[in-house]
Amino acid sequence: MLYSFILETAIFAGIGALILILARALPRIEDETISSFGRKSKIVRAFKKIPLDKIDDSVNLVFHKILRKIKIIIMRADNVVTEKINNVRSDSNKKPGSGLPT
């Protein structure tokens, strides 16, 4: 049950990351392309009012912060694993007859 939840969460997070990467890779639509439609509708005027540059900057900032936090979590996990490995190694060296030189 928990394994299924973790797997589904990982899949959807991957799909979300893929969509984010694709959205960042797409070029911006030029104003000339929008004005070439002839008659401007209300939807086109509404989309022109959206500050895409500010949104892009804020998304980049949030993305940067998330990546830094993930890096810190990975580094902490690496330190924990390294400490466990060292503890196991030191415990096996203390036991008599372990076969390892002391």
PDB file of N, CA and C in Angstrom:
ATOM      1  N   MET A   1       0.837  -1.197   0.000  1.00  0.00           N
ATOM      2  CA  MET A   1       0.000   0.000   0.000  1.00  0.00           C
ATOM      3  C   MET A   1       0.879   1.257   0.000  1.00  0.00           C
ATOM      4  N   LEU A   2       1.831   1.320   0.929  1.00  0.00           N
ATOM      5  CA  LEU A   2       2.716   2.470   1.010  1.00  0.00           C
ATOM      6  C   LEU A   2       3.639   2.509  -0.186  1.00  0.00           C
ATOM      7  N   TYR A   3       4.094   1.317  -0.619  1.00  0.00           N
ATOM      8  CA  TYR A   3       4.968   1.242  -1.786  1.00  0.00           C
ATOM      9  C   TYR A   3       4.249   1.779  -3.019  1.00  0.00           C
ATOM     10  N   SER A   4       2.990   1.453  -3.159  1.00  0.00           N
ATOM     11  CA  SER A   4       2.194   1.934  -4.292  1.00  0.00           C
ATOM     12  C   SER A   4       2.072   3.453  -4.247  1.00  0.00           C
ATOM     13  N   PHE A   5       1.834   4.005  -3.076  1.00  0.00           N
ATOM     14  CA  PHE A   5       1.710   5.457  -2.930  1.00  0.00           C
ATOM     15  C   PHE A   5       3.016   6.154  -3.291  1.00  0.00           C
ATOM     16  N   ILE A   6       4.135   5.605  -2.805  1.00  0.00           N
ATOM     17  CA  ILE A   6       5.440   6.207  -3.098  1.00  0.00           C
ATOM     18  C   ILE A   6       5.727   6.132  -4.587  1.00  0.00           C
ATOM     19  N   LEU A   7       5.416   4.997  -5.210  1.00  0.00           N
ATOM     20  CA  LEU A   7       5.648   4.833  -6.641  1.00  0.00           C
ATOM     21  C   LEU A   7       4.806   5.814  -7.457  1.00  0.00           C
ATOM     22  N   GLU A   8       3.530   5.940  -7.111  1.00  0.00           N
ATOM     23  CA  GLU A   8       2.657   6.872  -7.831  1.00  0.00           C
ATOM     24  C   GLU A   8       3.126   8.316  -7.642  1.00  0.00           C
ATOM     25  N   THR A   9       3.544   8.660  -6.447  1.00  0.00           N
ATOM     26  CA  THR A   9       4.038  10.011  -6.179  1.00  0.00           C
ATOM     27  C   THR A   9       5.291  10.295  -7.004  1.00  0.00           C
ATOM     28  N   ALA A  10       6.187   9.320  -7.085  1.00  0.00           N
ATOM     29  CA  ALA A  10       7.412   9.499  -7.871  1.00  0.00           C
ATOM     30  C   ALA A  10       7.089   9.648  -9.354  1.00  0.00           C
ATOM     31  N   ILE A  11       6.140   8.883  -9.850  1.00  0.00           N
ATOM     32  CA  ILE A  11       5.763   8.977 -11.262  1.00  0.00           C
ATOM     33  C   ILE A  11       5.174  10.348 -11.568  1.00  0.00           C
ATOM     34  N   PHE A  12       4.265  10.816 -10.732  1.00  0.00           N
ATOM     35  CA  PHE A  12       3.645  12.122 -10.985  1.00  0.00           C
ATOM     36  C   PHE A  12       4.638  13.267 -10.800  1.00  0.00           C
ATOM     37  N   ALA A  13       5.560  13.123  -9.879  1.00  0.00           N
ATOM     38  CA  ALA A  13       6.596  14.149  -9.723  1.00  0.00           C
ATOM     39  C   ALA A  13       7.487  14.181 -10.959  1.00  0.00           C
ATOM     40  N   GLY A  14       7.783  13.023 -11.503  1.00  0.00           N
ATOM     41  CA  GLY A  14       8.574  12.964 -12.731  1.00  0.00           C
ATOM     42  C   GLY A  14       7.854  13.581 -13.911  1.00  0.00           C
ATOM     43  N   ILE A  15       6.566  13.319 -14.022  1.00  0.00           N
ATOM     44  CA  ILE A  15       5.776  13.924 -15.102  1.00  0.00           C
ATOM     45  C   ILE A  15       5.736  15.437 -14.937  1.00  0.00           C
ATOM     46  N   GLY A  16       5.570  15.897 -13.701  1.00  0.00           N
ATOM     47  CA  GLY A  16       5.570  17.342 -13.441  1.00  0.00           C
ATOM     48  C   GLY A  16       6.899  17.980 -13.788  1.00  0.00           C
ATOM     49  N   ALA A  17       7.999  17.308 -13.447  1.00  0.00           N
ATOM     50  CA  ALA A  17       9.325  17.831 -13.785  1.00  0.00           C
ATOM     51  C   ALA A  17       9.525  17.870 -15.291  1.00  0.00           C
ATOM     52  N   LEU A  18       9.029  16.845 -15.987  1.00  0.00           N
ATOM     53  CA  LEU A  18       9.128  16.811 -17.446  1.00  0.00           C
ATOM     54  C   LEU A  18       8.353  17.963 -18.078  1.00  0.00           C
ATOM     55  N   ILE A  19       7.167  18.224 -17.589  1.00  0.00           N
ATOM     56  CA  ILE A  19       6.364  19.338 -18.111  1.00  0.00           C
ATOM     57  C   ILE A  19       7.066  20.664 -17.832  1.00  0.00           C
ATOM     58  N   LEU A  20       7.656  20.805 -16.645  1.00  0.00           N
ATOM     59  CA  LEU A  20       8.375  22.041 -16.308  1.00  0.00           C
ATOM     60  C   LEU A  20       9.565  22.244 -17.230  1.00  0.00           C
ATOM     61  N   ILE A  21      10.316  21.185 -17.488  1.00  0.00           N
ATOM     62  CA  ILE A  21      11.480  21.301 -18.372  1.00  0.00           C
ATOM     63  C   ILE A  21      11.045  21.652 -19.791  1.00  0.00           C
ATOM     64  N   LEU A  22       9.986  21.015 -20.272  1.00  0.00           N
ATOM     65  CA  LEU A  22       9.488  21.326 -21.612  1.00  0.00           C
ATOM     66  C   LEU A  22       8.982  22.758 -21.702  1.00  0.00           C
ATOM     67  N   ALA A  23       8.297  23.222 -20.671  1.00  0.00           N
ATOM     68  CA  ALA A  23       7.775  24.587 -20.686  1.00  0.00           C
ATOM     69  C   ALA A  23       8.904  25.608 -20.674  1.00  0.00           C
ATOM     70  N   ARG A  24       9.981  25.298 -19.983  1.00  0.00           N
ATOM     71  CA  ARG A  24      11.115  26.226 -19.944  1.00  0.00           C
ATOM     72  C   ARG A  24      11.863  26.236 -21.269  1.00  0.00           C
ATOM     73  N   ALA A  25      11.804  25.118 -22.002  1.00  0.00           N
ATOM     74  CA  ALA A  25      12.551  25.013 -23.250  1.00  0.00           C
ATOM     75  C   ALA A  25      11.818  25.651 -24.429  1.00  0.00           C
ATOM     76  N   LEU A  26      10.521  25.816 -24.322  1.00  0.00           N
ATOM     77  CA  LEU A  26       9.761  26.396 -25.431  1.00  0.00           C
ATOM     78  C   LEU A  26      10.091  27.874 -25.591  1.00  0.00           C
ATOM     79  N   PRO A  27      10.232  28.330 -26.803  1.00  0.00           N
ATOM     80  CA  PRO A  27      10.522  29.764 -26.999  1.00  0.00           C
ATOM     81  C   PRO A  27       9.284  30.607 -26.686  1.00  0.00           C
ATOM     82  N   ARG A  28       9.542  31.827 -26.350  1.00  0.00           N
ATOM     83  CA  ARG A  28       8.443  32.762 -26.073  1.00  0.00           C
ATOM     84  C   ARG A  28       7.760  33.179 -27.372  1.00  0.00           C
ATOM     85  N   ILE A  29       6.478  33.410 -27.297  1.00  0.00           N
ATOM     86  CA  ILE A  29       5.715  33.856 -28.466  1.00  0.00           C
ATOM     87  C   ILE A  29       5.957  35.345 -28.647  1.00  0.00           C
ATOM     88  N   GLU A  30       6.298  35.725 -29.851  1.00  0.00           N
ATOM     89  CA  GLU A  30       6.564  37.130 -30.162  1.00  0.00           C
ATOM     90  C   GLU A  30       5.252  37.889 -30.319  1.00  0.00           C
ATOM     91  N   ASP A  31       5.316  39.202 -30.108  1.00  0.00           N
ATOM     92  CA  ASP A  31       4.133  40.038 -30.243  1.00  0.00           C
ATOM     93  C   ASP A  31       3.633  40.066 -31.689  1.00  0.00           C
ATOM     94  N   GLU A  32       4.543  39.960 -32.643  1.00  0.00           N
ATOM     95  CA  GLU A  32       4.135  39.986 -34.046  1.00  0.00           C
ATOM     96  C   GLU A  32       3.288  38.777 -34.396  1.00  0.00           C
ATOM     97  N   THR A  33       3.595  37.649 -33.800  1.00  0.00           N
ATOM     98  CA  THR A  33       2.827  36.441 -34.064  1.00  0.00           C
ATOM     99  C   THR A  33       1.401  36.601 -33.545  1.00  0.00           C
ATOM    100  N   ILE A  34       1.267  37.197 -32.382  1.00  0.00           N
ATOM    101  CA  ILE A  34      -0.066  37.387 -31.811  1.00  0.00           C
ATOM    102  C   ILE A  34      -0.854  38.406 -32.631  1.00  0.00           C
ATOM    103  N   SER A  35      -0.201  39.480 -33.066  1.00  0.00           N
ATOM    104  CA  SER A  35      -0.919  40.510 -33.804  1.00  0.00           C
ATOM    105  C   SER A  35      -1.240  40.060 -35.228  1.00  0.00           C
ATOM    106  N   SER A  36      -0.628  39.000 -35.708  1.00  0.00           N
ATOM    107  CA  SER A  36      -0.910  38.538 -37.073  1.00  0.00           C
ATOM    108  C   SER A  36      -2.252  37.834 -37.173  1.00  0.00           C
ATOM    109  N   PHE A  37      -2.921  37.612 -36.063  1.00  0.00           N
ATOM    110  CA  PHE A  37      -4.233  36.971 -36.106  1.00  0.00           C
ATOM    111  C   PHE A  37      -5.313  37.908 -36.621  1.00  0.00           C
ATOM    112  N   GLY A  38      -4.979  39.161 -36.806  1.00  0.00           N
ATOM    113  CA  GLY A  38      -5.961  40.114 -37.328  1.00  0.00           C
ATOM    114  C   GLY A  38      -6.748  40.736 -36.192  1.00  0.00           C
ATOM    115  N   ARG A  39      -7.969  40.327 -36.056  1.00  0.00           N
ATOM    116  CA  ARG A  39      -8.846  40.881 -35.031  1.00  0.00           C
ATOM    117  C   ARG A  39      -8.437  40.370 -33.650  1.00  0.00           C
ATOM    118  N   LYS A  40      -8.173  41.304 -32.751  1.00  0.00           N
ATOM    119  CA  LYS A  40      -7.751  40.926 -31.406  1.00  0.00           C
ATOM    120  C   LYS A  40      -8.974  40.611 -30.554  1.00  0.00           C
ATOM    121  N   SER A  41      -8.950  39.461 -29.980  1.00  0.00           N
ATOM    122  CA  SER A  41     -10.066  39.079 -29.122  1.00  0.00           C
ATOM    123  C   SER A  41      -9.760  39.459 -27.673  1.00  0.00           C
ATOM    124  N   LYS A  42     -10.724  39.260 -26.844  1.00  0.00           N
ATOM    125  CA  LYS A  42     -10.556  39.572 -25.425  1.00  0.00           C
ATOM    126  C   LYS A  42      -9.533  38.644 -24.782  1.00  0.00           C
ATOM    127  N   ILE A  43      -9.468  37.428 -25.263  1.00  0.00           N
ATOM    128  CA  ILE A  43      -8.532  36.464 -24.691  1.00  0.00           C
ATOM    129  C   ILE A  43      -7.091  36.890 -24.969  1.00  0.00           C
ATOM    130  N   VAL A  44      -6.828  37.336 -26.201  1.00  0.00           N
ATOM    131  CA  VAL A  44      -5.481  37.767 -26.568  1.00  0.00           C
ATOM    132  C   VAL A  44      -5.081  38.980 -25.741  1.00  0.00           C
ATOM    133  N   ARG A  45      -5.998  39.907 -25.567  1.00  0.00           N
ATOM    134  CA  ARG A  45      -5.694  41.090 -24.749  1.00  0.00           C
ATOM    135  C   ARG A  45      -5.459  40.711 -23.296  1.00  0.00           C
ATOM    136  N   ALA A  46      -6.205  39.729 -22.809  1.00  0.00           N
ATOM    137  CA  ALA A  46      -6.023  39.288 -21.430  1.00  0.00           C
ATOM    138  C   ALA A  46      -4.655  38.623 -21.258  1.00  0.00           C
ATOM    139  N   PHE A  47      -4.238  37.830 -22.236  1.00  0.00           N
ATOM    140  CA  PHE A  47      -2.935  37.170 -22.157  1.00  0.00           C
ATOM    141  C   PHE A  47      -1.786  38.164 -22.260  1.00  0.00           C
ATOM    142  N   LYS A  48      -1.988  39.256 -22.965  1.00  0.00           N
ATOM    143  CA  LYS A  48      -0.939  40.268 -23.071  1.00  0.00           C
ATOM    144  C   LYS A  48      -0.691  40.959 -21.731  1.00  0.00           C
ATOM    145  N   LYS A  49      -1.691  40.989 -20.869  1.00  0.00           N
ATOM    146  CA  LYS A  49      -1.550  41.653 -19.576  1.00  0.00           C
ATOM    147  C   LYS A  49      -0.774  40.811 -18.563  1.00  0.00           C
ATOM    148  N   ILE A  50      -0.586  39.524 -18.852  1.00  0.00           N
ATOM    149  CA  ILE A  50       0.116  38.641 -17.929  1.00  0.00           C
ATOM    150  C   ILE A  50       1.620  38.945 -17.995  1.00  0.00           C
ATOM    151  N   PRO A  51       2.237  39.243 -16.852  1.00  0.00           N
ATOM    152  CA  PRO A  51       3.682  39.550 -16.848  1.00  0.00           C
ATOM    153  C   PRO A  51       4.518  38.261 -16.891  1.00  0.00           C
ATOM    154  N   LEU A  52       4.731  37.734 -18.079  1.00  0.00           N
ATOM    155  CA  LEU A  52       5.428  36.456 -18.230  1.00  0.00           C
ATOM    156  C   LEU A  52       6.874  36.523 -17.756  1.00  0.00           C
ATOM    157  N   ASP A  53       7.529  37.660 -17.936  1.00  0.00           N
ATOM    158  CA  ASP A  53       8.918  37.787 -17.494  1.00  0.00           C
ATOM    159  C   ASP A  53       9.031  37.678 -15.974  1.00  0.00           C
ATOM    160  N   LYS A  54       8.122  38.330 -15.263  1.00  0.00           N
ATOM    161  CA  LYS A  54       8.148  38.265 -13.800  1.00  0.00           C
ATOM    162  C   LYS A  54       7.820  36.854 -13.323  1.00  0.00           C
ATOM    163  N   ILE A  55       6.865  36.215 -13.976  1.00  0.00           N
ATOM    164  CA  ILE A  55       6.511  34.849 -13.603  1.00  0.00           C
ATOM    165  C   ILE A  55       7.686  33.914 -13.852  1.00  0.00           C
ATOM    166  N   ASP A  56       8.357  34.090 -14.989  1.00  0.00           N
ATOM    167  CA  ASP A  56       9.508  33.253 -15.316  1.00  0.00           C
ATOM    168  C   ASP A  56      10.632  33.450 -14.306  1.00  0.00           C
ATOM    169  N   ASP A  57      10.881  34.688 -13.912  1.00  0.00           N
ATOM    170  CA  ASP A  57      11.916  34.964 -12.910  1.00  0.00           C
ATOM    171  C   ASP A  57      11.576  34.331 -11.567  1.00  0.00           C
ATOM    172  N   SER A  58      10.314  34.427 -11.160  1.00  0.00           N
ATOM    173  CA  SER A  58       9.931  33.846  -9.875  1.00  0.00           C
ATOM    174  C   SER A  58       9.981  32.326  -9.918  1.00  0.00           C
ATOM    175  N   VAL A  59       9.604  31.714 -11.054  1.00  0.00           N
ATOM    176  CA  VAL A  59       9.693  30.259 -11.185  1.00  0.00           C
ATOM    177  C   VAL A  59      11.155  29.825 -11.136  1.00  0.00           C
ATOM    178  N   ASN A  60      12.030  30.574 -11.796  1.00  0.00           N
ATOM    179  CA  ASN A  60      13.461  30.251 -11.753  1.00  0.00           C
ATOM    180  C   ASN A  60      14.003  30.350 -10.332  1.00  0.00           C
ATOM    181  N   LEU A  61      13.577  31.358  -9.587  1.00  0.00           N
ATOM    182  CA  LEU A  61      14.031  31.525  -8.216  1.00  0.00           C
ATOM    183  C   LEU A  61      13.565  30.367  -7.336  1.00  0.00           C
ATOM    184  N   VAL A  62      12.297  29.998  -7.462  1.00  0.00           N
ATOM    185  CA  VAL A  62      11.762  28.884  -6.676  1.00  0.00           C
ATOM    186  C   VAL A  62      12.460  27.579  -7.065  1.00  0.00           C
ATOM    187  N   PHE A  63      12.663  27.369  -8.364  1.00  0.00           N
ATOM    188  CA  PHE A  63      13.340  26.175  -8.856  1.00  0.00           C
ATOM    189  C   PHE A  63      14.760  26.100  -8.301  1.00  0.00           C
ATOM    190  N   HIS A  64      15.445  27.234  -8.257  1.00  0.00           N
ATOM    191  CA  HIS A  64      16.805  27.302  -7.716  1.00  0.00           C
ATOM    192  C   HIS A  64      16.815  26.936  -6.231  1.00  0.00           C
ATOM    193  N   LYS A  65      15.869  27.478  -5.476  1.00  0.00           N
ATOM    194  CA  LYS A  65      15.805  27.193  -4.041  1.00  0.00           C
ATOM    195  C   LYS A  65      15.495  25.719  -3.781  1.00  0.00           C
ATOM    196  N   ILE A  66      14.584  25.151  -4.571  1.00  0.00           N
ATOM    197  CA  ILE A  66      14.234  23.741  -4.400  1.00  0.00           C
ATOM    198  C   ILE A  66      15.440  22.860  -4.687  1.00  0.00           C
ATOM    199  N   LEU A  67      16.168  23.169  -5.756  1.00  0.00           N
ATOM    200  CA  LEU A  67      17.350  22.371  -6.084  1.00  0.00           C
ATOM    201  C   LEU A  67      18.411  22.469  -4.997  1.00  0.00           C
ATOM    202  N   ARG A  68      18.576  23.643  -4.413  1.00  0.00           N
ATOM    203  CA  ARG A  68      19.554  23.787  -3.324  1.00  0.00           C
ATOM    204  C   ARG A  68      19.141  22.967  -2.107  1.00  0.00           C
ATOM    205  N   LYS A  69      17.845  22.970  -1.771  1.00  0.00           N
ATOM    206  CA  LYS A  69      17.372  22.189  -0.624  1.00  0.00           C
ATOM    207  C   LYS A  69      17.523  20.694  -0.883  1.00  0.00           C
ATOM    208  N   ILE A  70      17.251  20.267  -2.108  1.00  0.00           N
ATOM    209  CA  ILE A  70      17.433  18.852  -2.457  1.00  0.00           C
ATOM    210  C   ILE A  70      18.905  18.474  -2.338  1.00  0.00           C
ATOM    211  N   LYS A  71      19.789  19.355  -2.752  1.00  0.00           N
ATOM    212  CA  LYS A  71      21.228  19.096  -2.646  1.00  0.00           C
ATOM    213  C   LYS A  71      21.632  18.930  -1.186  1.00  0.00           C
ATOM    214  N   ILE A  72      21.110  19.775  -0.306  1.00  0.00           N
ATOM    215  CA  ILE A  72      21.434  19.682   1.112  1.00  0.00           C
ATOM    216  C   ILE A  72      20.921  18.371   1.699  1.00  0.00           C
ATOM    217  N   ILE A  73      19.713  17.971   1.313  1.00  0.00           N
ATOM    218  CA  ILE A  73      19.145  16.712   1.808  1.00  0.00           C
ATOM    219  C   ILE A  73      19.992  15.536   1.351  1.00  0.00           C
ATOM    220  N   ILE A  74      20.421  15.555   0.101  1.00  0.00           N
ATOM    221  CA  ILE A  74      21.244  14.464  -0.425  1.00  0.00           C
ATOM    222  C   ILE A  74      22.583  14.422   0.298  1.00  0.00           C
ATOM    223  N   MET A  75      23.168  15.582   0.558  1.00  0.00           N
ATOM    224  CA  MET A  75      24.453  15.615   1.263  1.00  0.00           C
ATOM    225  C   MET A  75      24.306  15.093   2.693  1.00  0.00           C
ATOM    226  N   ARG A  76      23.208  15.421   3.355  1.00  0.00           N
ATOM    227  CA  ARG A  76      22.981  14.915   4.715  1.00  0.00           C
ATOM    228  C   ARG A  76      22.788  13.403   4.694  1.00  0.00           C
ATOM    229  N   ALA A  77      22.036  12.910   3.704  1.00  0.00           N
ATOM    230  CA  ALA A  77      21.841  11.469   3.586  1.00  0.00           C
ATOM    231  C   ALA A  77      23.170  10.772   3.322  1.00  0.00           C
ATOM    232  N   ASP A  78      24.022  11.376   2.503  1.00  0.00           N
ATOM    233  CA  ASP A  78      25.339  10.805   2.234  1.00  0.00           C
ATOM    234  C   ASP A  78      26.166  10.744   3.510  1.00  0.00           C
ATOM    235  N   ASN A  79      26.110  11.779   4.327  1.00  0.00           N
ATOM    236  CA  ASN A  79      26.845  11.769   5.596  1.00  0.00           C
ATOM    237  C   ASN A  79      26.340  10.671   6.530  1.00  0.00           C
ATOM    238  N   VAL A  80      25.025  10.471   6.578  1.00  0.00           N
ATOM    239  CA  VAL A  80      24.457   9.426   7.434  1.00  0.00           C
ATOM    240  C   VAL A  80      24.911   8.053   6.951  1.00  0.00           C
ATOM    241  N   VAL A  81      24.860   7.817   5.651  1.00  0.00           N
ATOM    242  CA  VAL A  81      25.266   6.521   5.108  1.00  0.00           C
ATOM    243  C   VAL A  81      26.754   6.284   5.347  1.00  0.00           C
ATOM    244  N   THR A  82      27.574   7.299   5.162  1.00  0.00           N
ATOM    245  CA  THR A  82      29.007   7.167   5.403  1.00  0.00           C
ATOM    246  C   THR A  82      29.288   6.842   6.867  1.00  0.00           C
ATOM    247  N   GLU A  83      28.563   7.480   7.763  1.00  0.00           N
ATOM    248  CA  GLU A  83      28.734   7.203   9.191  1.00  0.00           C
ATOM    249  C   GLU A  83      28.334   5.773   9.515  1.00  0.00           C
ATOM    250  N   LYS A  84      27.240   5.283   8.939  1.00  0.00           N
ATOM    251  CA  LYS A  84      26.808   3.902   9.171  1.00  0.00           C
ATOM    252  C   LYS A  84      27.845   2.918   8.639  1.00  0.00           C
ATOM    253  N   ILE A  85      28.395   3.197   7.463  1.00  0.00           N
ATOM    254  CA  ILE A  85      29.426   2.322   6.892  1.00  0.00           C
ATOM    255  C   ILE A  85      30.643   2.277   7.805  1.00  0.00           C
ATOM    256  N   ASN A  86      31.050   3.421   8.314  1.00  0.00           N
ATOM    257  CA  ASN A  86      32.205   3.461   9.214  1.00  0.00           C
ATOM    258  C   ASN A  86      31.925   2.716  10.513  1.00  0.00           C
ATOM    259  N   ASN A  87      30.695   2.813  11.027  1.00  0.00           N
ATOM    260  CA  ASN A  87      30.333   2.086  12.245  1.00  0.00           C
ATOM    261  C   ASN A  87      30.369   0.580  12.007  1.00  0.00           C
ATOM    262  N   VAL A  88      29.847   0.142  10.882  1.00  0.00           N
ATOM    263  CA  VAL A  88      29.851  -1.288  10.571  1.00  0.00           C
ATOM    264  C   VAL A  88      31.278  -1.773  10.410  1.00  0.00           C
ATOM    265  N   ARG A  89      32.106  -1.004   9.756  1.00  0.00           N
ATOM    266  CA  ARG A  89      33.507  -1.372   9.542  1.00  0.00           C
ATOM    267  C   ARG A  89      34.246  -1.461  10.875  1.00  0.00           C
ATOM    268  N   SER A  90      34.019  -0.471  11.755  1.00  0.00           N
ATOM    269  CA  SER A  90      34.717  -0.485  13.049  1.00  0.00           C
ATOM    270  C   SER A  90      34.200  -1.614  13.935  1.00  0.00           C
ATOM    271  N   ASP A  91      32.908  -1.954  13.855  1.00  0.00           N
ATOM    272  CA  ASP A  91      32.355  -3.062  14.641  1.00  0.00           C
ATOM    273  C   ASP A  91      32.921  -4.390  14.172  1.00  0.00           C
ATOM    274  N   SER A  92      33.081  -4.552  12.857  1.00  0.00           N
ATOM    275  CA  SER A  92      33.607  -5.823  12.349  1.00  0.00           C
ATOM    276  C   SER A  92      35.083  -5.966  12.670  1.00  0.00           C
ATOM    277  N   ASN A  93      35.809  -4.862  12.802  1.00  0.00           N
ATOM    278  CA  ASN A  93      37.221  -4.928  13.177  1.00  0.00           C
ATOM    279  C   ASN A  93      37.397  -5.273  14.650  1.00  0.00           C
ATOM    280  N   LYS A  94      36.449  -4.948  15.504  1.00  0.00           N
ATOM    281  CA  LYS A  94      36.557  -5.217  16.936  1.00  0.00           C
ATOM    282  C   LYS A  94      36.273  -6.675  17.281  1.00  0.00           C
ATOM    283  N   LYS A  95      35.462  -7.374  16.473  1.00  0.00           N
ATOM    284  CA  LYS A  95      35.107  -8.754  16.765  1.00  0.00           C
ATOM    285  C   LYS A  95      36.305  -9.664  16.508  1.00  0.00           C
ATOM    286  N   PRO A  96      36.573 -10.600  17.423  1.00  0.00           N
ATOM    287  CA  PRO A  96      37.681 -11.542  17.183  1.00  0.00           C
ATOM    288  C   PRO A  96      37.284 -12.549  16.115  1.00  0.00           C
ATOM    289  N   GLY A  97      38.228 -12.907  15.293  1.00  0.00           N
ATOM    290  CA  GLY A  97      37.978 -13.905  14.253  1.00  0.00           C
ATOM    291  C   GLY A  97      37.206 -13.355  13.073  1.00  0.00           C
ATOM    292  N   SER A  98      37.208 -12.048  12.898  1.00  0.00           N
ATOM    293  CA  SER A  98      36.464 -11.460  11.785  1.00  0.00           C
ATOM    294  C   SER A  98      37.171 -11.684  10.466  1.00  0.00           C
ATOM    295  N   GLY A  99      38.453 -12.045  10.518  1.00  0.00           N
ATOM    296  CA  GLY A  99      39.189 -12.314   9.305  1.00  0.00           C
ATOM    297  C   GLY A  99      39.829 -11.077   8.714  1.00  0.00           C
ATOM    298  N   LEU A 100      39.577  -9.951   9.273  1.00  0.00           N
ATOM    299  CA  LEU A 100      40.168  -8.710   8.780  1.00  0.00           C
ATOM    300  C   LEU A 100      41.363  -8.357   9.648  1.00  0.00           C
ATOM    301  N   PRO A 101      42.428  -7.879   9.039  1.00  0.00           N
ATOM    302  CA  PRO A 101      43.590  -7.489   9.860  1.00  0.00           C
ATOM    303  C   PRO A 101      43.278  -6.260  10.689  1.00  0.00           C
ATOM    304  N   THR A 102      43.777  -6.235  11.897  1.00  0.00           N
ATOM    305  CA  THR A 102      43.534  -5.094  12.774  1.00  0.00           C
ATOM    306  C   THR A 102      44.755  -4.266  12.957  1.00  0.00           C
TER     307      THR A 102
END
